[in-house]
Amino acid sequence: MKILIAEDDLTSRKFLFKVLSQYGECDLVVDGLEALDAYLLAHKEAKPYDLICLDIMMPKVDGVKVLKNIRDLEAQKGIPQEKRAKIIMTTALAETQYVQNAFDIGCDAYAAKPIDIAKLTEVLTNLGLINSDK
C-alpha cells in the first residue's frame, strides 16, 4: 500500500508514520501544496496513493481544499470510485462543520487527534486497506 501523510505538526506526523509504515510505503509532507505536488507526482509516475491522511488545518493550502482538488482531479481523469485514493481527514478541531464539509467533498473517514491506534486500524480495515488479522 502506498500512503501519503500530510501533517504540519511534527509529533502527529511522526506518530502517523510509525503506525502506518507497518502497512506500506509512507511519504511525508508538511503542507497542502506539498500534498498536491506529491499526489500529482504519484499519478505521473503511475503509482497513485492508496491512502492519504490529510490534516484539516495546514499551512499554504488547508486539507479540505487539498481534498477537493484531489477529488476534482480524480473526476477529470475518469478514475472510478473504487480506484480512488482513500482519504482520512485528521484534526484536533472540534468544529463539526469542517468535518461535515470534508465528508460532503468526498473524504472516506475522519480521525480526531490525539489519534487512537485501535480506531485508526478499524477505519483502515473498514476501508478495505488492511486485513483485520494484522
N, C-alpha and C. Protein backbone atom coordinates (compact mmCIF):
# COMPACT_ATOMS: atom_id res chain seq x y z
N MET A 1 0.85 -1.18 0.00
CA MET A 1 0.00 0.00 0.00
C MET A 1 0.89 1.24 0.00
N LYS A 2 0.51 2.22 -0.81
CA LYS A 2 1.25 3.48 -0.87
C LYS A 2 0.45 4.55 -0.12
N ILE A 3 1.14 5.23 0.81
CA ILE A 3 0.47 6.14 1.74
C ILE A 3 1.11 7.53 1.72
N LEU A 4 0.27 8.56 1.72
CA LEU A 4 0.73 9.94 1.85
C LEU A 4 0.21 10.49 3.17
N ILE A 5 1.13 11.03 3.97
CA ILE A 5 0.77 11.66 5.24
C ILE A 5 1.05 13.16 5.10
N ALA A 6 -0.02 13.96 5.13
CA ALA A 6 0.11 15.42 5.03
C ALA A 6 -0.25 16.00 6.39
N GLU A 7 0.77 16.40 7.11
CA GLU A 7 0.59 16.83 8.51
C GLU A 7 1.68 17.83 8.87
N ASP A 8 1.28 19.04 9.31
CA ASP A 8 2.27 20.07 9.64
C ASP A 8 2.85 19.92 11.04
N ASP A 9 2.16 19.21 11.92
CA ASP A 9 2.65 19.03 13.29
C ASP A 9 3.61 17.84 13.34
N LEU A 10 4.85 18.09 13.77
CA LEU A 10 5.90 17.07 13.78
C LEU A 10 5.49 15.83 14.59
N THR A 11 4.96 16.03 15.77
CA THR A 11 4.59 14.90 16.63
C THR A 11 3.52 14.04 15.95
N SER A 12 2.49 14.66 15.41
CA SER A 12 1.43 13.91 14.73
C SER A 12 1.97 13.20 13.49
N ARG A 13 2.84 13.89 12.76
CA ARG A 13 3.43 13.31 11.54
C ARG A 13 4.24 12.06 11.87
N LYS A 14 5.07 12.15 12.92
CA LYS A 14 5.90 11.01 13.32
C LYS A 14 5.02 9.86 13.83
N PHE A 15 3.98 10.19 14.57
CA PHE A 15 3.07 9.17 15.10
C PHE A 15 2.39 8.42 13.95
N LEU A 16 1.82 9.17 13.00
CA LEU A 16 1.14 8.53 11.87
C LEU A 16 2.12 7.68 11.05
N PHE A 17 3.34 8.20 10.87
CA PHE A 17 4.34 7.44 10.12
C PHE A 17 4.64 6.12 10.83
N LYS A 18 4.81 6.17 12.15
CA LYS A 18 5.13 4.96 12.91
C LYS A 18 4.01 3.93 12.79
N VAL A 19 2.78 4.38 12.89
CA VAL A 19 1.63 3.46 12.83
C VAL A 19 1.42 2.93 11.41
N LEU A 20 1.45 3.82 10.42
CA LEU A 20 1.09 3.43 9.06
C LEU A 20 2.21 2.76 8.28
N SER A 21 3.46 3.00 8.65
CA SER A 21 4.56 2.43 7.88
C SER A 21 4.60 0.90 7.96
N GLN A 22 3.93 0.32 8.94
CA GLN A 22 3.86 -1.15 9.01
C GLN A 22 2.94 -1.71 7.92
N TYR A 23 2.13 -0.86 7.31
CA TYR A 23 1.19 -1.31 6.28
C TYR A 23 1.63 -0.97 4.86
N GLY A 24 2.66 -0.15 4.74
CA GLY A 24 3.11 0.20 3.39
C GLY A 24 4.12 1.32 3.39
N GLU A 25 4.45 1.77 2.19
CA GLU A 25 5.43 2.84 1.98
C GLU A 25 4.77 4.19 2.23
N CYS A 26 5.35 4.97 3.13
CA CYS A 26 4.78 6.27 3.51
C CYS A 26 5.63 7.43 2.99
N ASP A 27 4.97 8.40 2.38
CA ASP A 27 5.60 9.67 2.04
C ASP A 27 5.06 10.71 3.00
N LEU A 28 5.93 11.64 3.43
CA LEU A 28 5.55 12.67 4.38
C LEU A 28 5.65 14.06 3.76
N VAL A 29 4.63 14.87 3.96
CA VAL A 29 4.65 16.27 3.53
C VAL A 29 4.12 17.13 4.67
N VAL A 30 4.48 18.43 4.65
CA VAL A 30 4.14 19.29 5.79
C VAL A 30 3.10 20.37 5.49
N ASP A 31 2.67 20.50 4.24
CA ASP A 31 1.63 21.48 3.94
C ASP A 31 0.80 21.02 2.74
N GLY A 32 -0.27 21.76 2.49
CA GLY A 32 -1.20 21.40 1.44
C GLY A 32 -0.61 21.44 0.04
N LEU A 33 0.26 22.40 -0.24
CA LEU A 33 0.88 22.46 -1.57
C LEU A 33 1.75 21.24 -1.83
N GLU A 34 2.53 20.84 -0.81
CA GLU A 34 3.36 19.63 -0.95
C GLU A 34 2.48 18.40 -1.14
N ALA A 35 1.35 18.35 -0.47
CA ALA A 35 0.44 17.22 -0.62
C ALA A 35 -0.06 17.12 -2.06
N LEU A 36 -0.46 18.25 -2.63
CA LEU A 36 -0.92 18.24 -4.02
C LEU A 36 0.20 17.86 -4.98
N ASP A 37 1.40 18.39 -4.74
CA ASP A 37 2.56 18.04 -5.58
C ASP A 37 2.83 16.53 -5.51
N ALA A 38 2.81 15.97 -4.31
CA ALA A 38 3.07 14.54 -4.13
C ALA A 38 2.01 13.70 -4.83
N TYR A 39 0.75 14.13 -4.71
CA TYR A 39 -0.36 13.41 -5.36
C TYR A 39 -0.17 13.41 -6.88
N LEU A 40 0.12 14.59 -7.44
CA LEU A 40 0.30 14.70 -8.89
C LEU A 40 1.50 13.90 -9.38
N LEU A 41 2.60 13.94 -8.63
CA LEU A 41 3.79 13.19 -9.00
C LEU A 41 3.52 11.69 -8.98
N ALA A 42 2.80 11.22 -7.97
CA ALA A 42 2.47 9.80 -7.87
C ALA A 42 1.66 9.34 -9.09
N HIS A 43 0.72 10.18 -9.53
CA HIS A 43 -0.08 9.83 -10.72
C HIS A 43 0.76 9.88 -11.98
N LYS A 44 1.65 10.87 -12.07
CA LYS A 44 2.53 10.99 -13.23
C LYS A 44 3.41 9.74 -13.36
N GLU A 45 3.85 9.21 -12.23
CA GLU A 45 4.69 8.00 -12.21
C GLU A 45 3.87 6.72 -12.27
N ALA A 46 2.54 6.84 -12.39
CA ALA A 46 1.61 5.71 -12.44
C ALA A 46 1.69 4.84 -11.18
N LYS A 47 1.95 5.50 -10.05
CA LYS A 47 1.98 4.82 -8.75
C LYS A 47 1.15 5.64 -7.76
N PRO A 48 -0.18 5.69 -7.98
CA PRO A 48 -1.02 6.54 -7.13
C PRO A 48 -1.10 6.05 -5.69
N TYR A 49 -1.45 6.97 -4.80
CA TYR A 49 -1.59 6.64 -3.39
C TYR A 49 -2.87 5.84 -3.16
N ASP A 50 -2.77 4.85 -2.28
CA ASP A 50 -3.94 4.08 -1.87
C ASP A 50 -4.65 4.79 -0.71
N LEU A 51 -3.83 5.42 0.15
CA LEU A 51 -4.35 6.10 1.33
C LEU A 51 -3.67 7.46 1.48
N ILE A 52 -4.48 8.48 1.77
CA ILE A 52 -3.96 9.81 2.04
C ILE A 52 -4.54 10.27 3.37
N CYS A 53 -3.66 10.63 4.30
CA CYS A 53 -4.09 11.22 5.59
C CYS A 53 -3.84 12.72 5.50
N LEU A 54 -4.90 13.49 5.59
CA LEU A 54 -4.82 14.94 5.44
C LEU A 54 -5.22 15.65 6.72
N ASP A 55 -4.33 16.47 7.24
CA ASP A 55 -4.68 17.33 8.36
C ASP A 55 -5.58 18.44 7.82
N ILE A 56 -6.63 18.77 8.53
CA ILE A 56 -7.53 19.82 8.05
C ILE A 56 -6.84 21.18 8.07
N MET A 57 -6.16 21.50 9.17
CA MET A 57 -5.52 22.81 9.29
C MET A 57 -4.03 22.70 8.97
N MET A 58 -3.67 23.09 7.74
CA MET A 58 -2.26 23.06 7.31
C MET A 58 -1.90 24.41 6.69
N PRO A 59 -0.60 24.73 6.70
CA PRO A 59 -0.16 25.97 6.05
C PRO A 59 -0.34 25.91 4.54
N LYS A 60 -0.36 27.08 3.94
CA LYS A 60 -0.44 27.29 2.48
C LYS A 60 -1.79 26.90 1.90
N VAL A 61 -2.15 25.62 1.96
CA VAL A 61 -3.46 25.17 1.50
C VAL A 61 -4.00 24.21 2.55
N ASP A 62 -5.23 24.46 3.04
CA ASP A 62 -5.75 23.58 4.09
C ASP A 62 -6.20 22.23 3.51
N GLY A 63 -6.36 21.27 4.41
CA GLY A 63 -6.68 19.91 4.00
C GLY A 63 -7.97 19.76 3.23
N VAL A 64 -8.98 20.57 3.55
CA VAL A 64 -10.26 20.47 2.85
C VAL A 64 -10.09 20.91 1.38
N LYS A 65 -9.29 21.95 1.14
CA LYS A 65 -9.03 22.38 -0.24
C LYS A 65 -8.22 21.33 -1.00
N VAL A 66 -7.25 20.70 -0.30
CA VAL A 66 -6.47 19.63 -0.92
C VAL A 66 -7.41 18.47 -1.30
N LEU A 67 -8.29 18.09 -0.38
CA LEU A 67 -9.26 17.04 -0.63
C LEU A 67 -10.09 17.36 -1.88
N LYS A 68 -10.61 18.58 -1.94
CA LYS A 68 -11.43 18.98 -3.09
C LYS A 68 -10.63 18.90 -4.39
N ASN A 69 -9.39 19.39 -4.37
CA ASN A 69 -8.54 19.32 -5.57
C ASN A 69 -8.29 17.88 -6.01
N ILE A 70 -8.01 17.00 -5.06
CA ILE A 70 -7.75 15.60 -5.38
C ILE A 70 -9.00 14.95 -5.99
N ARG A 71 -10.15 15.17 -5.36
CA ARG A 71 -11.39 14.57 -5.89
C ARG A 71 -11.72 15.14 -7.28
N ASP A 72 -11.48 16.44 -7.49
CA ASP A 72 -11.71 17.04 -8.81
C ASP A 72 -10.77 16.44 -9.85
N LEU A 73 -9.50 16.25 -9.49
CA LEU A 73 -8.53 15.65 -10.42
C LEU A 73 -8.91 14.21 -10.75
N GLU A 74 -9.34 13.46 -9.75
CA GLU A 74 -9.76 12.07 -10.00
C GLU A 74 -10.95 12.04 -10.95
N ALA A 75 -11.89 12.96 -10.77
CA ALA A 75 -13.05 13.02 -11.65
C ALA A 75 -12.63 13.38 -13.08
N GLN A 76 -11.73 14.36 -13.21
CA GLN A 76 -11.23 14.77 -14.53
C GLN A 76 -10.54 13.62 -15.25
N LYS A 77 -9.79 12.82 -14.49
CA LYS A 77 -9.06 11.69 -15.08
C LYS A 77 -9.97 10.47 -15.31
N GLY A 78 -11.22 10.57 -14.86
CA GLY A 78 -12.16 9.46 -15.03
C GLY A 78 -11.84 8.25 -14.18
N ILE A 79 -11.22 8.48 -13.03
CA ILE A 79 -10.88 7.38 -12.13
C ILE A 79 -12.16 6.89 -11.45
N PRO A 80 -12.48 5.60 -11.60
CA PRO A 80 -13.71 5.10 -10.96
C PRO A 80 -13.64 5.18 -9.44
N GLN A 81 -14.80 5.28 -8.82
CA GLN A 81 -14.92 5.45 -7.37
C GLN A 81 -14.06 4.44 -6.59
N GLU A 82 -14.12 3.17 -6.99
CA GLU A 82 -13.41 2.13 -6.24
C GLU A 82 -11.89 2.19 -6.40
N LYS A 83 -11.41 2.94 -7.38
CA LYS A 83 -9.96 3.06 -7.62
C LYS A 83 -9.39 4.36 -7.03
N ARG A 84 -10.27 5.21 -6.52
CA ARG A 84 -9.81 6.49 -5.97
C ARG A 84 -9.08 6.28 -4.65
N ALA A 85 -8.19 7.22 -4.33
CA ALA A 85 -7.47 7.17 -3.05
C ALA A 85 -8.46 7.23 -1.90
N LYS A 86 -8.21 6.46 -0.87
CA LYS A 86 -8.99 6.56 0.36
C LYS A 86 -8.38 7.72 1.15
N ILE A 87 -9.22 8.64 1.59
CA ILE A 87 -8.73 9.83 2.27
C ILE A 87 -9.32 9.92 3.67
N ILE A 88 -8.40 9.99 4.65
CA ILE A 88 -8.79 10.16 6.05
C ILE A 88 -8.36 11.57 6.47
N MET A 89 -9.32 12.35 6.93
CA MET A 89 -9.04 13.69 7.43
C MET A 89 -8.70 13.59 8.91
N THR A 90 -7.65 14.31 9.34
CA THR A 90 -7.28 14.33 10.75
C THR A 90 -7.35 15.77 11.26
N THR A 91 -7.80 15.92 12.49
CA THR A 91 -7.87 17.26 13.06
C THR A 91 -7.99 17.23 14.57
N ALA A 92 -7.50 18.28 15.18
CA ALA A 92 -7.67 18.47 16.61
C ALA A 92 -8.89 19.36 16.86
N LEU A 93 -9.46 19.89 15.79
CA LEU A 93 -10.61 20.79 15.90
C LEU A 93 -11.86 20.03 16.29
N ALA A 94 -12.65 20.63 17.13
CA ALA A 94 -13.94 20.04 17.48
C ALA A 94 -15.03 20.67 16.61
N GLU A 95 -14.61 21.29 15.52
CA GLU A 95 -15.53 22.01 14.64
C GLU A 95 -16.19 21.03 13.66
N THR A 96 -17.44 20.69 13.95
CA THR A 96 -18.13 19.69 13.14
C THR A 96 -18.38 20.16 11.71
N GLN A 97 -18.47 21.48 11.49
CA GLN A 97 -18.73 21.98 10.14
C GLN A 97 -17.58 21.64 9.18
N TYR A 98 -16.34 21.74 9.67
CA TYR A 98 -15.19 21.35 8.84
C TYR A 98 -15.28 19.88 8.45
N VAL A 99 -15.61 19.06 9.42
CA VAL A 99 -15.68 17.61 9.20
C VAL A 99 -16.82 17.30 8.22
N GLN A 100 -18.00 17.90 8.44
CA GLN A 100 -19.13 17.66 7.56
C GLN A 100 -18.80 18.11 6.13
N ASN A 101 -18.14 19.25 6.02
CA ASN A 101 -17.73 19.76 4.71
C ASN A 101 -16.80 18.77 4.01
N ALA A 102 -15.86 18.20 4.76
CA ALA A 102 -14.92 17.22 4.20
C ALA A 102 -15.66 15.98 3.70
N PHE A 103 -16.65 15.51 4.46
CA PHE A 103 -17.43 14.35 4.01
C PHE A 103 -18.24 14.70 2.77
N ASP A 104 -18.80 15.91 2.71
CA ASP A 104 -19.56 16.35 1.54
C ASP A 104 -18.68 16.35 0.29
N ILE A 105 -17.41 16.72 0.44
CA ILE A 105 -16.48 16.79 -0.69
C ILE A 105 -16.00 15.40 -1.09
N GLY A 106 -15.95 14.47 -0.14
CA GLY A 106 -15.58 13.11 -0.52
C GLY A 106 -14.51 12.43 0.30
N CYS A 107 -14.31 12.84 1.55
CA CYS A 107 -13.36 12.09 2.37
C CYS A 107 -14.02 10.77 2.78
N ASP A 108 -13.20 9.79 3.09
CA ASP A 108 -13.71 8.46 3.43
C ASP A 108 -13.86 8.25 4.92
N ALA A 109 -13.08 8.98 5.71
CA ALA A 109 -13.13 8.83 7.16
C ALA A 109 -12.52 10.06 7.83
N TYR A 110 -12.68 10.11 9.14
CA TYR A 110 -12.21 11.24 9.93
C TYR A 110 -11.60 10.69 11.21
N ALA A 111 -10.45 11.23 11.58
CA ALA A 111 -9.79 10.81 12.82
C ALA A 111 -9.49 12.03 13.67
N ALA A 112 -10.00 12.04 14.90
CA ALA A 112 -9.76 13.14 15.82
C ALA A 112 -8.41 12.94 16.51
N LYS A 113 -7.69 14.04 16.73
CA LYS A 113 -6.43 13.97 17.46
C LYS A 113 -6.72 14.17 18.95
N PRO A 114 -6.00 13.53 19.84
CA PRO A 114 -4.95 12.55 19.53
C PRO A 114 -5.55 11.30 18.90
N ILE A 115 -4.86 10.75 17.92
CA ILE A 115 -5.37 9.61 17.16
C ILE A 115 -5.25 8.33 17.98
N ASP A 116 -6.35 7.59 18.01
CA ASP A 116 -6.42 6.31 18.71
C ASP A 116 -6.02 5.21 17.71
N ILE A 117 -4.97 4.46 18.04
CA ILE A 117 -4.45 3.44 17.12
C ILE A 117 -5.51 2.38 16.80
N ALA A 118 -6.23 1.93 17.81
CA ALA A 118 -7.26 0.89 17.58
C ALA A 118 -8.34 1.40 16.63
N LYS A 119 -8.78 2.64 16.82
CA LYS A 119 -9.80 3.20 15.95
C LYS A 119 -9.27 3.39 14.53
N LEU A 120 -8.02 3.85 14.41
CA LEU A 120 -7.41 4.04 13.10
C LEU A 120 -7.30 2.70 12.37
N THR A 121 -6.89 1.67 13.08
CA THR A 121 -6.79 0.33 12.48
C THR A 121 -8.16 -0.17 12.03
N GLU A 122 -9.17 0.11 12.84
CA GLU A 122 -10.54 -0.28 12.48
C GLU A 122 -10.99 0.44 11.21
N VAL A 123 -10.67 1.73 11.10
CA VAL A 123 -11.02 2.51 9.91
C VAL A 123 -10.32 1.93 8.67
N LEU A 124 -9.03 1.62 8.81
CA LEU A 124 -8.27 1.05 7.68
C LEU A 124 -8.87 -0.28 7.24
N THR A 125 -9.30 -1.08 8.21
CA THR A 125 -9.94 -2.37 7.91
C THR A 125 -11.27 -2.13 7.19
N ASN A 126 -12.09 -1.21 7.72
CA ASN A 126 -13.39 -0.92 7.13
C ASN A 126 -13.27 -0.37 5.70
N LEU A 127 -12.18 0.34 5.43
CA LEU A 127 -11.96 0.88 4.09
C LEU A 127 -11.39 -0.18 3.14
N GLY A 128 -11.09 -1.36 3.68
CA GLY A 128 -10.57 -2.45 2.85
C GLY A 128 -9.09 -2.32 2.55
N LEU A 129 -8.37 -1.50 3.32
CA LEU A 129 -6.95 -1.28 3.08
C LEU A 129 -6.06 -2.30 3.78
N ILE A 130 -6.53 -2.83 4.90
CA ILE A 130 -5.76 -3.86 5.62
C ILE A 130 -6.69 -4.97 6.05
N ASN A 131 -6.12 -6.13 6.35
CA ASN A 131 -6.88 -7.23 6.90
C ASN A 131 -6.94 -7.08 8.42
N SER A 132 -8.04 -7.42 9.00
CA SER A 132 -8.20 -7.24 10.45
C SER A 132 -7.31 -8.15 11.27
N ASP A 133 -6.71 -9.17 10.65
CA ASP A 133 -5.86 -10.08 11.42
C ASP A 133 -4.42 -9.56 11.55
N LYS A 134 -4.12 -8.39 10.96
CA LYS A 134 -2.76 -7.83 11.06
C LYS A 134 -2.59 -7.10 12.35
